[in-house]
Amino acid sequence: MTCSERSRVLRWRLGWLPGGKPKEYIFHPYHNWSRRSAFDCLHIHHRLYLPRSIEDPISFLLNLLPLHKPRPTASHSWFTLWPILCTILHELDYYFHDECPPPPVDPGAKLLNWLSK
């Protein structure tokens, strides 16, 4: 995991992303940022292939991260989900700072390399 990916994961877990203070949402100027609005506007459930019954899909997946190197069959889904999750956190970080995000460079590559060895 790169330093920026780790930073985004930690800020999400601490509630600092999309931010603790109310701030206008870049796409809807009269609505404030919230986790729920981010889930809806960025289609996070759909992008992560998770049902809408999961209240916080990002935290749900972060709780499933392996602590030790899993068997190859158990790590297969991370090759799809981890780059998507890193891209979503990348977008949230930029949108919260009122910037349009550039495309992330090889999102999640370090974790995927670790899993594939």
PDB file of N, CA and C in Angstrom:
ATOM      1  N   MET A   1       0.856  -1.162   0.000  1.00  0.00           N
ATOM      2  CA  MET A   1       0.000   0.000   0.000  1.00  0.00           C
ATOM      3  C   MET A   1       0.910   1.236   0.000  1.00  0.00           C
ATOM      4  N   THR A   2       0.645   2.173  -0.896  1.00  0.00           N
ATOM      5  CA  THR A   2       1.457   3.385  -0.942  1.00  0.00           C
ATOM      6  C   THR A   2       1.096   4.299   0.224  1.00  0.00           C
ATOM      7  N   CYS A   3       1.927   5.302   0.453  1.00  0.00           N
ATOM      8  CA  CYS A   3       1.663   6.249   1.553  1.00  0.00           C
ATOM      9  C   CYS A   3       0.345   6.979   1.344  1.00  0.00           C
ATOM     10  N   SER A   4       0.060   7.401   0.108  1.00  0.00           N
ATOM     11  CA  SER A   4      -1.191   8.121  -0.139  1.00  0.00           C
ATOM     12  C   SER A   4      -2.400   7.205   0.036  1.00  0.00           C
ATOM     13  N   GLU A   5      -2.296   5.941  -0.381  1.00  0.00           N
ATOM     14  CA  GLU A   5      -3.404   5.001  -0.180  1.00  0.00           C
ATOM     15  C   GLU A   5      -3.626   4.753   1.305  1.00  0.00           C
ATOM     16  N   ARG A   6      -2.545   4.565   2.043  1.00  0.00           N
ATOM     17  CA  ARG A   6      -2.650   4.353   3.494  1.00  0.00           C
ATOM     18  C   ARG A   6      -3.276   5.571   4.166  1.00  0.00           C
ATOM     19  N   SER A   7      -2.864   6.756   3.741  1.00  0.00           N
ATOM     20  CA  SER A   7      -3.412   7.989   4.305  1.00  0.00           C
ATOM     21  C   SER A   7      -4.914   8.075   4.070  1.00  0.00           C
ATOM     22  N   ARG A   8      -5.352   7.749   2.867  1.00  0.00           N
ATOM     23  CA  ARG A   8      -6.784   7.814   2.556  1.00  0.00           C
ATOM     24  C   ARG A   8      -7.572   6.783   3.358  1.00  0.00           C
ATOM     25  N   VAL A   9      -7.028   5.588   3.500  1.00  0.00           N
ATOM     26  CA  VAL A   9      -7.706   4.548   4.288  1.00  0.00           C
ATOM     27  C   VAL A   9      -7.835   4.998   5.739  1.00  0.00           C
ATOM     28  N   LEU A  10      -6.755   5.519   6.301  1.00  0.00           N
ATOM     29  CA  LEU A  10      -6.798   5.981   7.699  1.00  0.00           C
ATOM     30  C   LEU A  10      -7.764   7.143   7.871  1.00  0.00           C
ATOM     31  N   ARG A  11      -7.749   8.091   6.940  1.00  0.00           N
ATOM     32  CA  ARG A  11      -8.667   9.228   7.059  1.00  0.00           C
ATOM     33  C   ARG A  11     -10.116   8.788   6.932  1.00  0.00           C
ATOM     34  N   TRP A  12     -10.388   7.771   6.111  1.00  0.00           N
ATOM     35  CA  TRP A  12     -11.749   7.244   6.020  1.00  0.00           C
ATOM     36  C   TRP A  12     -12.151   6.618   7.348  1.00  0.00           C
ATOM     37  N   ARG A  13     -11.263   5.789   7.906  1.00  0.00           N
ATOM     38  CA  ARG A  13     -11.572   5.092   9.152  1.00  0.00           C
ATOM     39  C   ARG A  13     -11.761   6.055  10.313  1.00  0.00           C
ATOM     40  N   LEU A  14     -11.014   7.160  10.320  1.00  0.00           N
ATOM     41  CA  LEU A  14     -11.130   8.143  11.395  1.00  0.00           C
ATOM     42  C   LEU A  14     -12.289   9.111  11.181  1.00  0.00           C
ATOM     43  N   GLY A  15     -12.957   9.022  10.045  1.00  0.00           N
ATOM     44  CA  GLY A  15     -14.080   9.905   9.762  1.00  0.00           C
ATOM     45  C   GLY A  15     -13.657  11.250   9.199  1.00  0.00           C
ATOM     46  N   TRP A  16     -12.409  11.373   8.773  1.00  0.00           N
ATOM     47  CA  TRP A  16     -11.924  12.648   8.241  1.00  0.00           C
ATOM     48  C   TRP A  16     -12.146  12.770   6.742  1.00  0.00           C
ATOM     49  N   LEU A  17     -12.510  11.696   6.103  1.00  0.00           N
ATOM     50  CA  LEU A  17     -12.796  11.712   4.681  1.00  0.00           C
ATOM     51  C   LEU A  17     -14.208  11.187   4.527  1.00  0.00           C
ATOM     52  N   PRO A  18     -15.122  11.886   4.009  1.00  0.00           N
ATOM     53  CA  PRO A  18     -15.042  13.139   3.298  1.00  0.00           C
ATOM     54  C   PRO A  18     -14.920  14.382   4.165  1.00  0.00           C
ATOM     55  N   GLY A  19     -14.621  14.297   5.401  1.00  0.00           N
ATOM     56  CA  GLY A  19     -14.352  15.478   6.219  1.00  0.00           C
ATOM     57  C   GLY A  19     -15.309  15.595   7.380  1.00  0.00           C
ATOM     58  N   GLY A  20     -14.828  16.130   8.474  1.00  0.00           N
ATOM     59  CA  GLY A  20     -15.651  16.269   9.658  1.00  0.00           C
ATOM     60  C   GLY A  20     -16.516  17.512   9.642  1.00  0.00           C
ATOM     61  N   LYS A  21     -16.035  18.570   8.996  1.00  0.00           N
ATOM     62  CA  LYS A  21     -16.799  19.815   8.938  1.00  0.00           C
ATOM     63  C   LYS A  21     -17.749  19.782   7.749  1.00  0.00           C
ATOM     64  N   PRO A  22     -18.954  20.338   7.911  1.00  0.00           N
ATOM     65  CA  PRO A  22     -19.862  20.402   6.764  1.00  0.00           C
ATOM     66  C   PRO A  22     -19.250  21.240   5.645  1.00  0.00           C
ATOM     67  N   LYS A  23     -19.296  20.715   4.447  1.00  0.00           N
ATOM     68  CA  LYS A  23     -18.730  21.397   3.295  1.00  0.00           C
ATOM     69  C   LYS A  23     -19.616  21.108   2.103  1.00  0.00           C
ATOM     70  N   GLU A  24     -19.779  22.106   1.229  1.00  0.00           N
ATOM     71  CA  GLU A  24     -20.627  21.909   0.062  1.00  0.00           C
ATOM     72  C   GLU A  24     -20.028  20.866  -0.869  1.00  0.00           C
ATOM     73  N   TYR A  25     -20.918  20.104  -1.452  1.00  0.00           N
ATOM     74  CA  TYR A  25     -20.530  19.052  -2.376  1.00  0.00           C
ATOM     75  C   TYR A  25     -20.255  19.683  -3.730  1.00  0.00           C
ATOM     76  N   ILE A  26     -19.154  19.320  -4.365  1.00  0.00           N
ATOM     77  CA  ILE A  26     -18.718  19.951  -5.605  1.00  0.00           C
ATOM     78  C   ILE A  26     -19.752  19.812  -6.732  1.00  0.00           C
ATOM     79  N   PHE A  27     -20.491  18.711  -6.789  1.00  0.00           N
ATOM     80  CA  PHE A  27     -21.462  18.499  -7.858  1.00  0.00           C
ATOM     81  C   PHE A  27     -22.842  19.062  -7.533  1.00  0.00           C
ATOM     82  N   HIS A  28     -23.138  19.233  -6.252  1.00  0.00           N
ATOM     83  CA  HIS A  28     -24.422  19.770  -5.815  1.00  0.00           C
ATOM     84  C   HIS A  28     -24.139  20.884  -4.810  1.00  0.00           C
ATOM     85  N   PRO A  29     -24.006  22.125  -5.283  1.00  0.00           N
ATOM     86  CA  PRO A  29     -23.528  23.218  -4.426  1.00  0.00           C
ATOM     87  C   PRO A  29     -24.360  23.483  -3.178  1.00  0.00           C
ATOM     88  N   TYR A  30     -25.610  23.087  -3.137  1.00  0.00           N
ATOM     89  CA  TYR A  30     -26.435  23.393  -1.966  1.00  0.00           C
ATOM     90  C   TYR A  30     -26.594  22.194  -1.034  1.00  0.00           C
ATOM     91  N   HIS A  31     -25.818  21.150  -1.261  1.00  0.00           N
ATOM     92  CA  HIS A  31     -25.832  19.971  -0.394  1.00  0.00           C
ATOM     93  C   HIS A  31     -24.456  19.795   0.222  1.00  0.00           C
ATOM     94  N   ASN A  32     -24.425  19.362   1.466  1.00  0.00           N
ATOM     95  CA  ASN A  32     -23.151  19.139   2.142  1.00  0.00           C
ATOM     96  C   ASN A  32     -22.661  17.713   1.919  1.00  0.00           C
ATOM     97  N   TRP A  33     -21.329  17.571   1.980  1.00  0.00           N
ATOM     98  CA  TRP A  33     -20.705  16.264   1.889  1.00  0.00           C
ATOM     99  C   TRP A  33     -21.114  15.405   3.077  1.00  0.00           C
ATOM    100  N   SER A  34     -21.341  14.179   2.841  1.00  0.00           N
ATOM    101  CA  SER A  34     -21.536  13.187   3.893  1.00  0.00           C
ATOM    102  C   SER A  34     -21.175  11.835   3.288  1.00  0.00           C
ATOM    103  N   ARG A  35     -20.990  10.873   4.142  1.00  0.00           N
ATOM    104  CA  ARG A  35     -20.688   9.540   3.618  1.00  0.00           C
ATOM    105  C   ARG A  35     -21.845   9.024   2.777  1.00  0.00           C
ATOM    106  N   ARG A  36     -23.053   9.249   3.261  1.00  0.00           N
ATOM    107  CA  ARG A  36     -24.223   8.757   2.535  1.00  0.00           C
ATOM    108  C   ARG A  36     -24.330   9.404   1.151  1.00  0.00           C
ATOM    109  N   SER A  37     -24.079  10.714   1.065  1.00  0.00           N
ATOM    110  CA  SER A  37     -24.143  11.371  -0.245  1.00  0.00           C
ATOM    111  C   SER A  37     -23.032  10.869  -1.157  1.00  0.00           C
ATOM    112  N   ALA A  38     -21.868  10.584  -0.583  1.00  0.00           N
ATOM    113  CA  ALA A  38     -20.769  10.039  -1.389  1.00  0.00           C
ATOM    114  C   ALA A  38     -21.144   8.663  -1.936  1.00  0.00           C
ATOM    115  N   PHE A  39     -21.777   7.824  -1.101  1.00  0.00           N
ATOM    116  CA  PHE A  39     -22.189   6.497  -1.567  1.00  0.00           C
ATOM    117  C   PHE A  39     -23.146   6.617  -2.746  1.00  0.00           C
ATOM    118  N   ASP A  40     -24.089   7.554  -2.649  1.00  0.00           N
ATOM    119  CA  ASP A  40     -25.083   7.710  -3.706  1.00  0.00           C
ATOM    120  C   ASP A  40     -24.494   8.341  -4.963  1.00  0.00           C
ATOM    121  N   CYS A  41     -23.798   9.458  -4.802  1.00  0.00           N
ATOM    122  CA  CYS A  41     -23.319  10.204  -5.972  1.00  0.00           C
ATOM    123  C   CYS A  41     -22.196   9.497  -6.719  1.00  0.00           C
ATOM    124  N   LEU A  42     -21.357   8.785  -6.013  1.00  0.00           N
ATOM    125  CA  LEU A  42     -20.251   8.086  -6.670  1.00  0.00           C
ATOM    126  C   LEU A  42     -20.587   6.629  -6.983  1.00  0.00           C
ATOM    127  N   HIS A  43     -21.825   6.218  -6.711  1.00  0.00           N
ATOM    128  CA  HIS A  43     -22.305   4.857  -7.011  1.00  0.00           C
ATOM    129  C   HIS A  43     -21.369   3.798  -6.430  1.00  0.00           C
ATOM    130  N   ILE A  44     -21.010   3.990  -5.181  1.00  0.00           N
ATOM    131  CA  ILE A  44     -20.002   3.143  -4.552  1.00  0.00           C
ATOM    132  C   ILE A  44     -20.476   1.699  -4.406  1.00  0.00           C
ATOM    133  N   HIS A  45     -21.718   1.498  -4.010  1.00  0.00           N
ATOM    134  CA  HIS A  45     -22.221   0.120  -3.880  1.00  0.00           C
ATOM    135  C   HIS A  45     -22.122  -0.611  -5.223  1.00  0.00           C
ATOM    136  N   HIS A  46     -22.553   0.053  -6.264  1.00  0.00           N
ATOM    137  CA  HIS A  46     -22.546  -0.556  -7.596  1.00  0.00           C
ATOM    138  C   HIS A  46     -21.117  -0.839  -8.058  1.00  0.00           C
ATOM    139  N   ARG A  47     -20.223   0.114  -7.856  1.00  0.00           N
ATOM    140  CA  ARG A  47     -18.836  -0.045  -8.308  1.00  0.00           C
ATOM    141  C   ARG A  47     -18.106  -1.156  -7.557  1.00  0.00           C
ATOM    142  N   LEU A  48     -18.478  -1.375  -6.295  1.00  0.00           N
ATOM    143  CA  LEU A  48     -17.830  -2.416  -5.493  1.00  0.00           C
ATOM    144  C   LEU A  48     -18.587  -3.745  -5.526  1.00  0.00           C
ATOM    145  N   TYR A  49     -19.657  -3.817  -6.314  1.00  0.00           N
ATOM    146  CA  TYR A  49     -20.443  -5.046  -6.457  1.00  0.00           C
ATOM    147  C   TYR A  49     -21.018  -5.500  -5.121  1.00  0.00           C
ATOM    148  N   LEU A  50     -21.491  -4.541  -4.322  1.00  0.00           N
ATOM    149  CA  LEU A  50     -22.049  -4.866  -3.011  1.00  0.00           C
ATOM    150  C   LEU A  50     -23.511  -4.447  -2.956  1.00  0.00           C
ATOM    151  N   PRO A  51     -24.328  -5.171  -2.198  1.00  0.00           N
ATOM    152  CA  PRO A  51     -25.743  -4.797  -2.079  1.00  0.00           C
ATOM    153  C   PRO A  51     -25.901  -3.509  -1.274  1.00  0.00           C
ATOM    154  N   ARG A  52     -26.973  -2.787  -1.555  1.00  0.00           N
ATOM    155  CA  ARG A  52     -27.234  -1.525  -0.858  1.00  0.00           C
ATOM    156  C   ARG A  52     -27.589  -1.756   0.611  1.00  0.00           C
ATOM    157  N   SER A  53     -27.845  -2.990   0.990  1.00  0.00           N
ATOM    158  CA  SER A  53     -28.153  -3.276   2.396  1.00  0.00           C
ATOM    159  C   SER A  53     -26.927  -3.091   3.291  1.00  0.00           C
ATOM    160  N   ILE A  54     -25.735  -3.072   2.716  1.00  0.00           N
ATOM    161  CA  ILE A  54     -24.517  -2.803   3.488  1.00  0.00           C
ATOM    162  C   ILE A  54     -24.418  -1.293   3.648  1.00  0.00           C
ATOM    163  N   GLU A  55     -24.492  -0.836   4.883  1.00  0.00           N
ATOM    164  CA  GLU A  55     -24.578   0.599   5.153  1.00  0.00           C
ATOM    165  C   GLU A  55     -23.327   1.361   4.727  1.00  0.00           C
ATOM    166  N   ASP A  56     -22.154   0.832   5.018  1.00  0.00           N
ATOM    167  CA  ASP A  56     -20.893   1.499   4.692  1.00  0.00           C
ATOM    168  C   ASP A  56     -20.005   0.504   3.939  1.00  0.00           C
ATOM    169  N   PRO A  57     -20.095   0.482   2.605  1.00  0.00           N
ATOM    170  CA  PRO A  57     -19.366  -0.538   1.849  1.00  0.00           C
ATOM    171  C   PRO A  57     -17.847  -0.399   1.939  1.00  0.00           C
ATOM    172  N   ILE A  58     -17.349   0.816   2.101  1.00  0.00           N
ATOM    173  CA  ILE A  58     -15.901   0.997   2.189  1.00  0.00           C
ATOM    174  C   ILE A  58     -15.373   0.386   3.482  1.00  0.00           C
ATOM    175  N   SER A  59     -15.987   0.711   4.594  1.00  0.00           N
ATOM    176  CA  SER A  59     -15.558   0.134   5.870  1.00  0.00           C
ATOM    177  C   SER A  59     -15.765  -1.377   5.887  1.00  0.00           C
ATOM    178  N   PHE A  60     -16.836  -1.831   5.267  1.00  0.00           N
ATOM    179  CA  PHE A  60     -17.100  -3.267   5.180  1.00  0.00           C
ATOM    180  C   PHE A  60     -15.926  -3.986   4.517  1.00  0.00           C
ATOM    181  N   LEU A  61     -15.449  -3.453   3.390  1.00  0.00           N
ATOM    182  CA  LEU A  61     -14.329  -4.096   2.696  1.00  0.00           C
ATOM    183  C   LEU A  61     -13.016  -3.929   3.451  1.00  0.00           C
ATOM    184  N   LEU A  62     -12.816  -2.771   4.075  1.00  0.00           N
ATOM    185  CA  LEU A  62     -11.580  -2.573   4.835  1.00  0.00           C
ATOM    186  C   LEU A  62     -11.496  -3.556   5.998  1.00  0.00           C
ATOM    187  N   ASN A  63     -12.646  -3.903   6.575  1.00  0.00           N
ATOM    188  CA  ASN A  63     -12.659  -4.894   7.656  1.00  0.00           C
ATOM    189  C   ASN A  63     -12.308  -6.298   7.158  1.00  0.00           C
ATOM    190  N   LEU A  64     -12.454  -6.527   5.873  1.00  0.00           N
ATOM    191  CA  LEU A  64     -12.159  -7.839   5.297  1.00  0.00           C
ATOM    192  C   LEU A  64     -10.725  -7.969   4.787  1.00  0.00           C
ATOM    193  N   LEU A  65      -9.949  -6.886   4.843  1.00  0.00           N
ATOM    194  CA  LEU A  65      -8.564  -6.960   4.367  1.00  0.00           C
ATOM    195  C   LEU A  65      -7.804  -8.042   5.121  1.00  0.00           C
ATOM    196  N   PRO A  66      -6.994  -8.811   4.414  1.00  0.00           N
ATOM    197  CA  PRO A  66      -6.253  -9.884   5.086  1.00  0.00           C
ATOM    198  C   PRO A  66      -5.133  -9.337   5.964  1.00  0.00           C
ATOM    199  N   LEU A  67      -4.962  -9.928   7.132  1.00  0.00           N
ATOM    200  CA  LEU A  67      -3.861  -9.562   8.023  1.00  0.00           C
ATOM    201  C   LEU A  67      -2.604 -10.353   7.677  1.00  0.00           C
ATOM    202  N   HIS A  68      -2.804 -11.536   7.147  1.00  0.00           N
ATOM    203  CA  HIS A  68      -1.711 -12.403   6.716  1.00  0.00           C
ATOM    204  C   HIS A  68      -1.986 -12.786   5.271  1.00  0.00           C
ATOM    205  N   LYS A  69      -0.961 -13.196   4.601  1.00  0.00           N
ATOM    206  CA  LYS A  69      -1.132 -13.571   3.206  1.00  0.00           C
ATOM    207  C   LYS A  69      -2.104 -14.745   3.099  1.00  0.00           C
ATOM    208  N   PRO A  70      -3.235 -14.537   2.406  1.00  0.00           N
ATOM    209  CA  PRO A  70      -4.231 -15.610   2.290  1.00  0.00           C
ATOM    210  C   PRO A  70      -3.858 -16.598   1.182  1.00  0.00           C
ATOM    211  N   ARG A  71      -4.598 -17.668   1.130  1.00  0.00           N
ATOM    212  CA  ARG A  71      -4.444 -18.637   0.046  1.00  0.00           C
ATOM    213  C   ARG A  71      -4.824 -17.952  -1.267  1.00  0.00           C
ATOM    214  N   PRO A  72      -4.273 -18.414  -2.371  1.00  0.00           N
ATOM    215  CA  PRO A  72      -4.591 -17.784  -3.661  1.00  0.00           C
ATOM    216  C   PRO A  72      -6.084 -17.748  -3.972  1.00  0.00           C
ATOM    217  N   THR A  73      -6.819 -18.773  -3.586  1.00  0.00           N
ATOM    218  CA  THR A  73      -8.259 -18.772  -3.869  1.00  0.00           C
ATOM    219  C   THR A  73      -8.992 -17.736  -3.031  1.00  0.00           C
ATOM    220  N   ALA A  74      -8.502 -17.467  -1.825  1.00  0.00           N
ATOM    221  CA  ALA A  74      -9.153 -16.491  -0.949  1.00  0.00           C
ATOM    222  C   ALA A  74      -8.816 -15.061  -1.346  1.00  0.00           C
ATOM    223  N   SER A  75      -7.716 -14.854  -2.056  1.00  0.00           N
ATOM    224  CA  SER A  75      -7.310 -13.496  -2.414  1.00  0.00           C
ATOM    225  C   SER A  75      -7.796 -13.080  -3.796  1.00  0.00           C
ATOM    226  N   HIS A  76      -8.449 -13.980  -4.505  1.00  0.00           N
ATOM    227  CA  HIS A  76      -8.857 -13.711  -5.887  1.00  0.00           C
ATOM    228  C   HIS A  76      -9.728 -12.458  -6.009  1.00  0.00           C
ATOM    229  N   SER A  77     -10.700 -12.272  -5.136  1.00  0.00           N
ATOM    230  CA  SER A  77     -11.611 -11.125  -5.249  1.00  0.00           C
ATOM    231  C   SER A  77     -10.913  -9.793  -5.003  1.00  0.00           C
ATOM    232  N   TRP A  78      -9.809  -9.801  -4.241  1.00  0.00           N
ATOM    233  CA  TRP A  78      -9.097  -8.541  -3.983  1.00  0.00           C
ATOM    234  C   TRP A  78      -8.461  -7.972  -5.240  1.00  0.00           C
ATOM    235  N   PHE A  79      -8.150  -8.811  -6.214  1.00  0.00           N
ATOM    236  CA  PHE A  79      -7.561  -8.320  -7.455  1.00  0.00           C
ATOM    237  C   PHE A  79      -8.554  -7.463  -8.235  1.00  0.00           C
ATOM    238  N   THR A  80      -9.834  -7.647  -7.999  1.00  0.00           N
ATOM    239  CA  THR A  80     -10.862  -6.810  -8.606  1.00  0.00           C
ATOM    240  C   THR A  80     -11.236  -5.650  -7.695  1.00  0.00           C
ATOM    241  N   LEU A  81     -11.478  -5.942  -6.426  1.00  0.00           N
ATOM    242  CA  LEU A  81     -12.026  -4.935  -5.511  1.00  0.00           C
ATOM    243  C   LEU A  81     -11.017  -3.897  -5.031  1.00  0.00           C
ATOM    244  N   TRP A  82      -9.787  -4.282  -4.767  1.00  0.00           N
ATOM    245  CA  TRP A  82      -8.826  -3.346  -4.176  1.00  0.00           C
ATOM    246  C   TRP A  82      -8.514  -2.154  -5.088  1.00  0.00           C
ATOM    247  N   PRO A  83      -8.242  -2.333  -6.389  1.00  0.00           N
ATOM    248  CA  PRO A  83      -8.018  -1.152  -7.237  1.00  0.00           C
ATOM    249  C   PRO A  83      -9.240  -0.236  -7.314  1.00  0.00           C
ATOM    250  N   ILE A  84     -10.437  -0.823  -7.312  1.00  0.00           N
ATOM    251  CA  ILE A  84     -11.657  -0.009  -7.338  1.00  0.00           C
ATOM    252  C   ILE A  84     -11.772   0.784  -6.048  1.00  0.00           C
ATOM    253  N   LEU A  85     -11.527   0.148  -4.919  1.00  0.00           N
ATOM    254  CA  LEU A  85     -11.603   0.821  -3.623  1.00  0.00           C
ATOM    255  C   LEU A  85     -10.570   1.945  -3.533  1.00  0.00           C
ATOM    256  N   CYS A  86      -9.355   1.705  -3.992  1.00  0.00           N
ATOM    257  CA  CYS A  86      -8.321   2.751  -3.985  1.00  0.00           C
ATOM    258  C   CYS A  86      -8.720   3.922  -4.879  1.00  0.00           C
ATOM    259  N   THR A  87      -9.327   3.631  -6.015  1.00  0.00           N
ATOM    260  CA  THR A  87      -9.781   4.687  -6.925  1.00  0.00           C
ATOM    261  C   THR A  87     -10.891   5.510  -6.289  1.00  0.00           C
ATOM    262  N   ILE A  88     -11.828   4.867  -5.609  1.00  0.00           N
ATOM    263  CA  ILE A  88     -12.919   5.586  -4.943  1.00  0.00           C
ATOM    264  C   ILE A  88     -12.372   6.507  -3.860  1.00  0.00           C
ATOM    265  N   LEU A  89     -11.454   6.016  -3.033  1.00  0.00           N
ATOM    266  CA  LEU A  89     -10.867   6.854  -1.985  1.00  0.00           C
ATOM    267  C   LEU A  89     -10.059   7.998  -2.587  1.00  0.00           C
ATOM    268  N   HIS A  90      -9.399   7.750  -3.696  1.00  0.00           N
ATOM    269  CA  HIS A  90      -8.662   8.783  -4.430  1.00  0.00           C
ATOM    270  C   HIS A  90      -9.628   9.880  -4.893  1.00  0.00           C
ATOM    271  N   GLU A  91     -10.752   9.484  -5.482  1.00  0.00           N
ATOM    272  CA  GLU A  91     -11.752  10.445  -5.949  1.00  0.00           C
ATOM    273  C   GLU A  91     -12.332  11.239  -4.785  1.00  0.00           C
ATOM    274  N   LEU A  92     -12.688  10.560  -3.702  1.00  0.00           N
ATOM    275  CA  LEU A  92     -13.237  11.250  -2.532  1.00  0.00           C
ATOM    276  C   LEU A  92     -12.275  12.299  -1.995  1.00  0.00           C
ATOM    277  N   ASP A  93     -11.004  11.956  -1.936  1.00  0.00           N
ATOM    278  CA  ASP A  93      -9.987  12.877  -1.438  1.00  0.00           C
ATOM    279  C   ASP A  93      -9.943  14.141  -2.294  1.00  0.00           C
ATOM    280  N   TYR A  94      -9.922  13.984  -3.596  1.00  0.00           N
ATOM    281  CA  TYR A  94      -9.866  15.143  -4.482  1.00  0.00           C
ATOM    282  C   TYR A  94     -11.165  15.936  -4.459  1.00  0.00           C
ATOM    283  N   TYR A  95     -12.304  15.267  -4.516  1.00  0.00           N
ATOM    284  CA  TYR A  95     -13.576  15.983  -4.509  1.00  0.00           C
ATOM    285  C   TYR A  95     -13.763  16.780  -3.230  1.00  0.00           C
ATOM    286  N   PHE A  96     -13.323  16.232  -2.114  1.00  0.00           N
ATOM    287  CA  PHE A  96     -13.471  16.966  -0.857  1.00  0.00           C
ATOM    288  C   PHE A  96     -12.624  18.228  -0.855  1.00  0.00           C
ATOM    289  N   HIS A  97     -11.533  18.224  -1.591  1.00  0.00           N
ATOM    290  CA  HIS A  97     -10.686  19.415  -1.683  1.00  0.00           C
ATOM    291  C   HIS A  97     -11.032  20.260  -2.909  1.00  0.00           C
ATOM    292  N   ASP A  98     -12.249  20.084  -3.438  1.00  0.00           N
ATOM    293  CA  ASP A  98     -12.779  20.862  -4.561  1.00  0.00           C
ATOM    294  C   ASP A  98     -11.908  20.795  -5.803  1.00  0.00           C
ATOM    295  N   GLU A  99     -11.390  19.642  -6.092  1.00  0.00           N
ATOM    296  CA  GLU A  99     -10.587  19.442  -7.293  1.00  0.00           C
ATOM    297  C   GLU A  99     -11.120  18.223  -8.033  1.00  0.00           C
ATOM    298  N   CYS A 100     -10.996  18.259  -9.342  1.00  0.00           N
ATOM    299  CA  CYS A 100     -11.330  17.070 -10.117  1.00  0.00           C
ATOM    300  C   CYS A 100     -10.123  16.145 -10.088  1.00  0.00           C
ATOM    301  N   PRO A 101     -10.335  14.882  -9.777  1.00  0.00           N
ATOM    302  CA  PRO A 101      -9.195  13.973  -9.609  1.00  0.00           C
ATOM    303  C   PRO A 101      -8.550  13.584 -10.933  1.00  0.00           C
ATOM    304  N   PRO A 102      -7.222  13.566 -10.958  1.00  0.00           N
ATOM    305  CA  PRO A 102      -6.560  12.971 -12.120  1.00  0.00           C
ATOM    306  C   PRO A 102      -6.694  11.454 -12.016  1.00  0.00           C
ATOM    307  N   PRO A 103      -6.512  10.751 -13.096  1.00  0.00           N
ATOM    308  CA  PRO A 103      -6.588   9.291 -12.995  1.00  0.00           C
ATOM    309  C   PRO A 103      -5.502   8.765 -12.056  1.00  0.00           C
ATOM    310  N   PRO A 104      -5.849   7.864 -11.155  1.00  0.00           N
ATOM    311  CA  PRO A 104      -4.823   7.318 -10.262  1.00  0.00           C
ATOM    312  C   PRO A 104      -3.836   6.456 -11.045  1.00  0.00           C
ATOM    313  N   VAL A 105      -2.603   6.482 -10.599  1.00  0.00           N
ATOM    314  CA  VAL A 105      -1.561   5.701 -11.263  1.00  0.00           C
ATOM    315  C   VAL A 105      -1.462   4.339 -10.588  1.00  0.00           C
ATOM    316  N   ASP A 106      -1.845   3.310 -11.299  1.00  0.00           N
ATOM    317  CA  ASP A 106      -1.736   1.926 -10.835  1.00  0.00           C
ATOM    318  C   ASP A 106      -2.281   1.740  -9.415  1.00  0.00           C
ATOM    319  N   PRO A 107      -3.590   1.975  -9.212  1.00  0.00           N
ATOM    320  CA  PRO A 107      -4.144   1.923  -7.853  1.00  0.00           C
ATOM    321  C   PRO A 107      -4.049   0.539  -7.223  1.00  0.00           C
ATOM    322  N   GLY A 108      -3.541   0.511  -6.013  1.00  0.00           N
ATOM    323  CA  GLY A 108      -3.499  -0.719  -5.236  1.00  0.00           C
ATOM    324  C   GLY A 108      -2.457  -1.733  -5.653  1.00  0.00           C
ATOM    325  N   ALA A 109      -1.477  -1.326  -6.436  1.00  0.00           N
ATOM    326  CA  ALA A 109      -0.516  -2.284  -6.993  1.00  0.00           C
ATOM    327  C   ALA A 109       0.313  -2.987  -5.921  1.00  0.00           C
ATOM    328  N   LYS A 110       0.685  -2.279  -4.862  1.00  0.00           N
ATOM    329  CA  LYS A 110       1.548  -2.899  -3.849  1.00  0.00           C
ATOM    330  C   LYS A 110       0.852  -4.057  -3.136  1.00  0.00           C
ATOM    331  N   LEU A 111      -0.407  -3.879  -2.767  1.00  0.00           N
ATOM    332  CA  LEU A 111      -1.131  -4.973  -2.117  1.00  0.00           C
ATOM    333  C   LEU A 111      -1.309  -6.139  -3.083  1.00  0.00           C
ATOM    334  N   LEU A 112      -1.628  -5.832  -4.324  1.00  0.00           N
ATOM    335  CA  LEU A 112      -1.830  -6.900  -5.305  1.00  0.00           C
ATOM    336  C   LEU A 112      -0.534  -7.664  -5.570  1.00  0.00           C
ATOM    337  N   ASN A 113       0.589  -6.960  -5.593  1.00  0.00           N
ATOM    338  CA  ASN A 113       1.877  -7.651  -5.756  1.00  0.00           C
ATOM    339  C   ASN A 113       2.148  -8.578  -4.576  1.00  0.00           C
ATOM    340  N   TRP A 114       1.830  -8.107  -3.371  1.00  0.00           N
ATOM    341  CA  TRP A 114       2.028  -8.927  -2.171  1.00  0.00           C
ATOM    342  C   TRP A 114       1.150 -10.176  -2.214  1.00  0.00           C
ATOM    343  N   LEU A 115      -0.090 -10.006  -2.650  1.00  0.00           N
ATOM    344  CA  LEU A 115      -1.004 -11.147  -2.711  1.00  0.00           C
ATOM    345  C   LEU A 115      -0.592 -12.158  -3.778  1.00  0.00           C
ATOM    346  N   SER A 116       0.016 -11.684  -4.848  1.00  0.00           N
ATOM    347  CA  SER A 116       0.336 -12.592  -5.956  1.00  0.00           C
ATOM    348  C   SER A 116       1.637 -13.359  -5.756  1.00  0.00           C
ATOM    349  N   LYS A 117       2.440 -12.981  -4.780  1.00  0.00           N
ATOM    350  CA  LYS A 117       3.719 -13.690  -4.547  1.00  0.00           C
ATOM    351  C   LYS A 117       3.508 -14.973  -3.783  1.00  0.00           C
TER     352      LYS A 117
END
